Amino acid sequence: MCTQIVDNRHISVLYRELVDSIEIFSDKKNIIVDCTLWMAWHAIWVIEKMSEGDIFIGFDADIDNLCLAEKKLEKYAKSWIKIILINSNYVNLKQELALKWIDKITWIYYDLWLSSLHVDESERWFSFREEGPLDMRFDRTSWKTAADIVNWYTRDDLYKIFRQYWEEPASNKIATAIVNRRKKMWKFVTTTDLVEVIWEVTRHPKAKTRIFQAIRIEVNKELENLEKSLNNAIELLEKDWKIFVISFHSLEDRITKNILRRESRDCYCSDLICTCKHKKQIKILTKKPIIPSEEEQKMNSRSRSAKARLAVKI
């Protein structure tokens, strides 16, 4: 069931660059996929450009986001455009579209940051500003929570995700402190439980943010899912149609860049004579990533780390 949510704070990053890059053709049915629907802010602008008979498909693993998006789209949607909203992670892109009898799409985009609701509200599981459950799942039907990771991962596993995902300098000490608390039979239940341990180890103002975000990435398998989804997205795209990816994390951008580079080459093996038999599928349209303008960064400080990459199927 959908909970009641009021949203008047979320500011979509690079929305104008994304929307301006979309070309709508009148001689074919446009099938556009939003892999991270959030509160439908990008979707509203995209749908405004679409034509009669077109299909818009929005994915979101968070049912509350999906419900809010549905309410917004009721106001902005055009009656002659078919809108399909799917409560699923974008890693399931190919399977979910197959269930709708769709095997080709004409445009696809990703906005890989959290919505402001996730960041600002403790009851949305992601914030440490107020006490809340140690959860952090986008999809609340999945079994693994942040509490499971903090309570059951080994010290080495905790160190690995803290260091690998956000390069937290105190990763080793924080992982050790978590395990030592567990030895005293103090189970981690709330965000405050975890904040207290981090605070005992380091007073660096960004340490809590890094640790929480590293755990969130692990809970939701964000990097693994992104890689799988991008590969499927490129496969699903029709010739001459595009993929647009907005990332906020260096590892997300690296995954995106590497996949686009690989798929823009005929061979990616290191053998003198190619053995991979790989054929390029795309042309990269952004030699350097698109970044927010100075004006946008001033208006929305959360946009500062954003990078967007664009490619076209060939």
Protein backbone atom coordinates (compact mmCIF):
# COMPACT_ATOMS: atom_id res chain seq x y z
CA MET A 1 0.00 0.00 0.00
CA CYS A 2 1.07 3.57 -0.60
CA THR A 3 1.73 5.85 2.33
CA GLN A 4 0.73 9.50 2.21
CA ILE A 5 3.70 11.59 1.07
CA VAL A 6 3.88 15.29 0.37
CA ASP A 7 6.86 16.40 -1.71
CA ASN A 8 7.72 19.97 -2.50
CA ARG A 9 11.49 19.85 -2.04
CA HIS A 10 13.02 17.58 -4.64
CA ILE A 11 15.01 19.37 -7.34
CA SER A 12 15.94 17.23 -10.33
CA VAL A 13 19.53 17.63 -11.46
CA LEU A 14 20.43 18.28 -15.12
CA TYR A 15 16.76 17.95 -16.07
CA ARG A 16 17.04 20.50 -18.87
CA GLU A 17 20.08 18.79 -20.39
CA LEU A 18 18.29 15.45 -20.23
CA VAL A 19 15.02 16.69 -21.73
CA ASP A 20 16.75 18.71 -24.46
CA SER A 21 18.67 15.62 -25.59
CA ILE A 22 15.45 13.69 -26.31
CA GLU A 23 14.31 13.65 -29.92
CA ILE A 24 10.72 12.63 -30.60
CA PHE A 25 10.09 11.23 -34.08
CA SER A 26 6.68 11.48 -35.73
CA ASP A 27 7.17 8.53 -38.08
CA LYS A 28 7.47 5.85 -35.40
CA LYS A 29 6.20 4.97 -31.94
CA ASN A 30 8.46 6.39 -29.26
CA ILE A 31 8.99 4.08 -26.27
CA ILE A 32 10.82 5.97 -23.54
CA VAL A 33 12.00 4.35 -20.29
CA ASP A 34 12.74 6.19 -17.04
CA CYS A 35 14.73 3.69 -14.95
CA THR A 36 14.69 5.81 -11.78
CA LEU A 37 11.30 7.46 -11.68
CA TRP A 38 11.62 8.98 -8.20
CA MET A 39 8.93 11.69 -7.97
CA ALA A 40 8.45 11.91 -11.75
CA TRP A 41 10.14 15.29 -12.09
CA HIS A 42 12.08 14.25 -15.19
CA ALA A 43 9.07 12.27 -16.41
CA ILE A 44 6.78 15.30 -16.41
CA TRP A 45 9.07 17.16 -18.83
CA VAL A 46 9.71 14.09 -20.98
CA ILE A 47 6.00 13.26 -21.36
CA GLU A 48 5.33 16.86 -22.39
CA LYS A 49 7.46 16.23 -25.51
CA MET A 50 5.86 12.91 -26.48
CA SER A 51 3.37 12.36 -29.30
CA GLU A 52 0.14 10.45 -29.83
CA GLY A 53 0.56 6.68 -29.53
CA ASP A 54 3.87 6.90 -27.67
CA ILE A 55 4.61 4.83 -24.55
CA PHE A 56 6.29 6.07 -21.36
CA ILE A 57 7.57 3.46 -18.89
CA GLY A 58 8.76 4.33 -15.38
CA PHE A 59 10.64 2.02 -13.00
CA ASP A 60 10.97 2.48 -9.25
CA ALA A 61 11.77 -0.12 -6.60
CA ASP A 62 10.23 2.09 -3.90
CA ILE A 63 6.44 1.74 -3.88
CA ASP A 64 5.98 5.11 -2.12
CA ASN A 65 7.91 6.90 -4.85
CA LEU A 66 5.87 5.10 -7.47
CA CYS A 67 2.57 6.11 -5.84
CA LEU A 68 3.63 9.74 -5.57
CA ALA A 69 4.77 9.73 -9.19
CA GLU A 70 1.45 8.25 -10.28
CA LYS A 71 -0.46 11.05 -8.55
CA LYS A 72 1.72 13.70 -10.18
CA LEU A 73 1.43 12.17 -13.61
CA GLU A 74 -2.37 12.21 -13.35
CA LYS A 75 -2.11 16.01 -13.58
CA TYR A 76 0.44 16.21 -16.37
CA ALA A 77 -0.14 13.12 -18.50
CA LYS A 78 -1.66 13.33 -21.95
CA SER A 79 -4.61 11.02 -22.53
CA TRP A 80 -3.22 9.83 -25.86
CA ILE A 81 0.09 8.65 -24.36
CA LYS A 82 0.25 5.26 -22.65
CA ILE A 83 1.97 5.39 -19.25
CA ILE A 84 3.22 2.19 -17.60
CA LEU A 85 4.62 2.37 -14.05
CA ILE A 86 6.54 -0.65 -12.78
CA ASN A 87 7.35 -1.30 -9.12
CA SER A 88 10.69 -2.99 -9.69
CA ASN A 89 14.42 -2.29 -9.64
CA TYR A 90 15.96 -1.34 -12.97
CA VAL A 91 18.10 -4.48 -12.79
CA ASN A 92 14.90 -6.26 -13.88
CA LEU A 93 14.52 -4.00 -16.92
CA LYS A 94 14.66 -6.71 -19.57
CA GLN A 95 12.37 -9.17 -17.77
CA GLU A 96 9.77 -6.57 -16.84
CA LEU A 97 9.58 -5.17 -20.38
CA ALA A 98 9.26 -8.70 -21.77
CA LEU A 99 6.17 -9.14 -19.59
CA LYS A 100 4.71 -6.09 -21.39
CA TRP A 101 5.63 -7.60 -24.78
CA ILE A 102 8.30 -4.96 -25.34
CA ASP A 103 11.66 -6.08 -26.74
CA LYS A 104 12.89 -2.78 -28.16
CA ILE A 105 12.90 0.76 -26.79
CA THR A 106 13.73 4.10 -28.37
CA TRP A 107 15.12 6.11 -25.45
CA ILE A 108 16.24 5.33 -21.87
CA TYR A 109 17.63 7.36 -18.98
CA TYR A 110 18.85 6.97 -15.39
CA ASP A 111 19.04 9.47 -12.50
CA LEU A 112 21.14 7.59 -9.96
CA TRP A 113 20.81 9.81 -6.90
CA LEU A 114 18.31 9.50 -4.05
CA SER A 115 15.17 11.56 -3.93
CA SER A 116 15.13 14.33 -1.35
CA LEU A 117 12.53 12.37 0.60
CA HIS A 118 15.03 9.59 1.19
CA VAL A 119 17.70 12.02 2.32
CA ASP A 120 15.62 14.32 4.49
CA GLU A 121 13.15 12.11 6.34
CA SER A 122 14.22 9.61 9.00
CA GLU A 123 11.12 7.48 8.48
CA ARG A 124 12.34 6.90 4.94
CA TRP A 125 15.23 4.84 6.43
CA PHE A 126 18.23 6.62 4.89
CA SER A 127 18.93 9.56 7.19
CA PHE A 128 20.98 9.70 10.39
CA ARG A 129 19.78 13.19 11.36
CA GLU A 130 17.02 11.73 13.50
CA GLU A 131 16.60 8.27 14.96
CA GLY A 132 14.98 5.77 12.63
CA PRO A 133 15.12 2.08 11.72
CA LEU A 134 18.41 0.79 10.33
CA ASP A 135 16.86 -0.31 7.05
CA MET A 136 17.91 1.56 3.86
CA ARG A 137 16.06 -0.67 1.37
CA PHE A 138 14.55 0.90 -1.71
CA ASP A 139 12.55 -2.28 -2.20
CA ARG A 140 11.04 -3.19 1.15
CA THR A 141 10.18 -6.69 -0.07
CA SER A 142 13.88 -7.57 -0.30
CA TRP A 143 15.24 -9.41 2.72
CA LYS A 144 18.58 -7.72 3.49
CA THR A 145 18.52 -4.52 5.57
CA ALA A 146 21.24 -2.23 6.84
CA ALA A 147 20.81 -3.82 10.27
CA ASP A 148 21.61 -7.23 8.79
CA ILE A 149 24.86 -5.91 7.35
CA VAL A 150 25.95 -4.11 10.50
CA ASN A 151 25.00 -7.03 12.76
CA TRP A 152 26.30 -9.95 10.69
CA TYR A 153 29.06 -8.89 8.29
CA THR A 154 32.61 -9.73 9.37
CA ARG A 155 35.07 -7.00 10.22
CA ASP A 156 36.86 -7.57 6.91
CA ASP A 157 33.59 -7.37 4.96
CA LEU A 158 32.60 -4.15 6.70
CA TYR A 159 36.03 -2.65 6.06
CA LYS A 160 35.79 -3.61 2.39
CA ILE A 161 32.48 -1.86 1.73
CA PHE A 162 33.43 1.24 3.76
CA ARG A 163 36.73 1.57 1.94
CA GLN A 164 35.68 0.46 -1.53
CA TYR A 165 32.42 2.39 -1.84
CA TRP A 166 33.35 5.68 -0.18
CA GLU A 167 37.08 5.53 0.67
CA GLU A 168 36.40 6.37 4.32
CA PRO A 169 39.84 6.91 5.97
CA ALA A 170 38.65 5.46 9.29
CA SER A 171 37.14 2.34 7.67
CA ASN A 172 39.32 -0.09 9.60
CA LYS A 173 38.68 1.52 12.99
CA ILE A 174 34.93 1.86 12.40
CA ALA A 175 34.61 -1.77 11.25
CA THR A 176 36.54 -2.90 14.31
CA ALA A 177 34.40 -0.76 16.64
CA ILE A 178 31.19 -2.23 15.18
CA VAL A 179 32.40 -5.80 15.73
CA ASN A 180 33.57 -4.97 19.27
CA ARG A 181 30.13 -3.61 20.14
CA ARG A 182 28.53 -6.79 18.80
CA LYS A 183 30.75 -8.87 21.08
CA LYS A 184 29.10 -7.11 24.02
CA MET A 185 25.72 -8.37 22.70
CA TRP A 186 24.60 -4.87 21.79
CA LYS A 187 22.56 -5.34 18.68
CA PHE A 188 22.32 -2.51 16.14
CA VAL A 189 18.67 -1.59 15.61
CA THR A 190 18.44 2.14 14.88
CA THR A 191 20.41 4.75 12.98
CA THR A 192 21.44 6.25 16.33
CA ASP A 193 23.10 2.97 17.35
CA LEU A 194 25.39 3.17 14.34
CA VAL A 195 26.00 6.93 14.59
CA GLU A 196 27.19 6.52 18.20
CA VAL A 197 29.86 4.00 17.20
CA ILE A 198 31.06 6.12 14.26
CA TRP A 199 31.19 9.19 16.50
CA GLU A 200 33.34 7.34 19.06
CA VAL A 201 35.90 6.56 16.36
CA THR A 202 36.02 9.80 14.38
CA ARG A 203 34.54 13.28 14.61
CA HIS A 204 35.05 13.99 10.92
CA PRO A 205 31.82 15.63 9.71
CA LYS A 206 31.62 13.47 6.56
CA ALA A 207 32.34 10.10 8.18
CA LYS A 208 28.70 9.37 9.05
CA THR A 209 27.58 10.26 5.53
CA ARG A 210 30.23 8.02 3.94
CA ILE A 211 29.44 5.02 6.15
CA PHE A 212 25.68 5.31 5.72
CA GLN A 213 25.97 5.68 1.96
CA ALA A 214 28.37 2.73 1.70
CA ILE A 215 25.91 0.54 3.60
CA ARG A 216 23.03 1.77 1.41
CA ILE A 217 24.98 0.82 -1.72
CA GLU A 218 25.58 -2.66 -0.31
CA VAL A 219 21.97 -3.16 0.83
CA ASN A 220 20.58 -2.32 -2.60
CA LYS A 221 23.40 -3.85 -4.69
CA GLU A 222 23.51 -0.54 -6.50
CA LEU A 223 26.76 -0.96 -8.42
CA GLU A 224 26.12 -4.56 -9.42
CA ASN A 225 22.57 -3.74 -10.51
CA LEU A 226 23.67 -0.69 -12.48
CA GLU A 227 26.16 -2.70 -14.51
CA LYS A 228 23.60 -5.36 -15.38
CA SER A 229 20.92 -2.80 -16.21
CA LEU A 230 23.15 -0.69 -18.47
CA ASN A 231 24.14 -3.75 -20.48
CA ASN A 232 20.48 -4.68 -20.91
CA ALA A 233 19.51 -1.12 -21.80
CA ILE A 234 22.05 -0.94 -24.63
CA GLU A 235 20.83 -4.28 -25.95
CA LEU A 236 17.19 -3.10 -25.90
CA LEU A 237 17.80 0.21 -27.66
CA GLU A 238 16.78 0.56 -31.30
CA LYS A 239 19.27 1.90 -33.83
CA ASP A 240 19.78 5.69 -33.69
CA TRP A 241 18.26 5.96 -30.22
CA LYS A 242 19.94 7.06 -27.02
CA ILE A 243 20.86 6.32 -23.44
CA PHE A 244 21.41 9.12 -20.89
CA VAL A 245 22.92 8.42 -17.45
CA ILE A 246 23.21 10.90 -14.57
CA SER A 247 25.49 9.67 -11.77
CA PHE A 248 26.58 11.24 -8.48
CA HIS A 249 29.18 8.76 -7.26
CA SER A 250 32.63 8.20 -8.80
CA LEU A 251 32.11 4.43 -8.91
CA GLU A 252 28.76 4.79 -10.68
CA ASP A 253 30.32 7.14 -13.21
CA ARG A 254 33.25 4.76 -13.70
CA ILE A 255 30.91 1.83 -14.37
CA THR A 256 28.91 3.92 -16.83
CA LYS A 257 32.03 5.23 -18.59
CA ASN A 258 33.62 1.78 -18.86
CA ILE A 259 30.49 0.12 -20.25
CA LEU A 260 29.94 2.87 -22.81
CA ARG A 261 33.60 2.72 -23.85
CA ARG A 262 33.53 -1.05 -24.20
CA GLU A 263 30.34 -1.01 -26.26
CA SER A 264 31.75 1.71 -28.53
CA ARG A 265 34.63 -0.54 -29.65
CA ASP A 266 34.79 -3.53 -31.98
CA CYS A 267 37.23 -5.35 -29.73
CA TYR A 268 37.98 -5.02 -26.04
CA CYS A 269 40.23 -8.04 -25.45
CA SER A 270 43.99 -7.60 -25.06
CA ASP A 271 44.99 -10.31 -27.56
CA LEU A 272 47.06 -9.36 -30.59
CA ILE A 273 44.43 -11.05 -32.73
CA CYS A 274 40.93 -10.40 -31.43
CA THR A 275 39.30 -13.41 -29.80
CA CYS A 276 36.34 -11.70 -28.13
CA LYS A 277 34.55 -11.13 -31.47
CA HIS A 278 32.86 -8.12 -29.92
CA LYS A 279 31.12 -5.66 -32.23
CA LYS A 280 30.51 -2.07 -31.17
CA GLN A 281 26.90 -1.16 -30.48
CA ILE A 282 27.00 2.53 -29.60
CA LYS A 283 28.65 5.85 -30.32
CA ILE A 284 29.52 8.02 -27.33
CA LEU A 285 28.18 11.57 -27.73
CA THR A 286 29.86 13.09 -24.66
CA LYS A 287 33.67 13.05 -24.83
CA LYS A 288 33.60 14.65 -21.40
CA PRO A 289 30.69 14.21 -18.98
CA ILE A 290 28.02 16.89 -18.79
CA ILE A 291 28.09 18.71 -15.44
CA PRO A 292 25.62 21.17 -13.88
CA SER A 293 26.06 24.84 -14.65
CA GLU A 294 27.36 27.20 -11.97
CA GLU A 295 23.84 28.59 -11.64
CA GLU A 296 22.38 25.13 -11.01
CA GLN A 297 25.07 24.31 -8.47
CA LYS A 298 24.28 27.51 -6.58
CA MET A 299 20.55 26.74 -6.60
CA ASN A 300 21.00 23.09 -5.63
CA SER A 301 24.15 22.15 -3.72
CA ARG A 302 23.36 18.44 -4.15
CA SER A 303 23.98 18.79 -7.89
CA ARG A 304 27.70 19.50 -7.52
CA SER A 305 28.86 15.91 -7.90
CA ALA A 306 26.56 15.10 -10.83
CA LYS A 307 27.93 13.86 -14.16
CA ALA A 308 25.91 12.84 -17.19
CA ARG A 309 26.93 10.68 -20.16
CA LEU A 310 25.07 10.23 -23.44
CA ALA A 311 25.42 7.61 -26.17
CA VAL A 312 23.49 6.54 -29.27
CA LYS A 313 22.86 3.03 -30.60
CA ILE A 314 24.43 2.40 -34.02
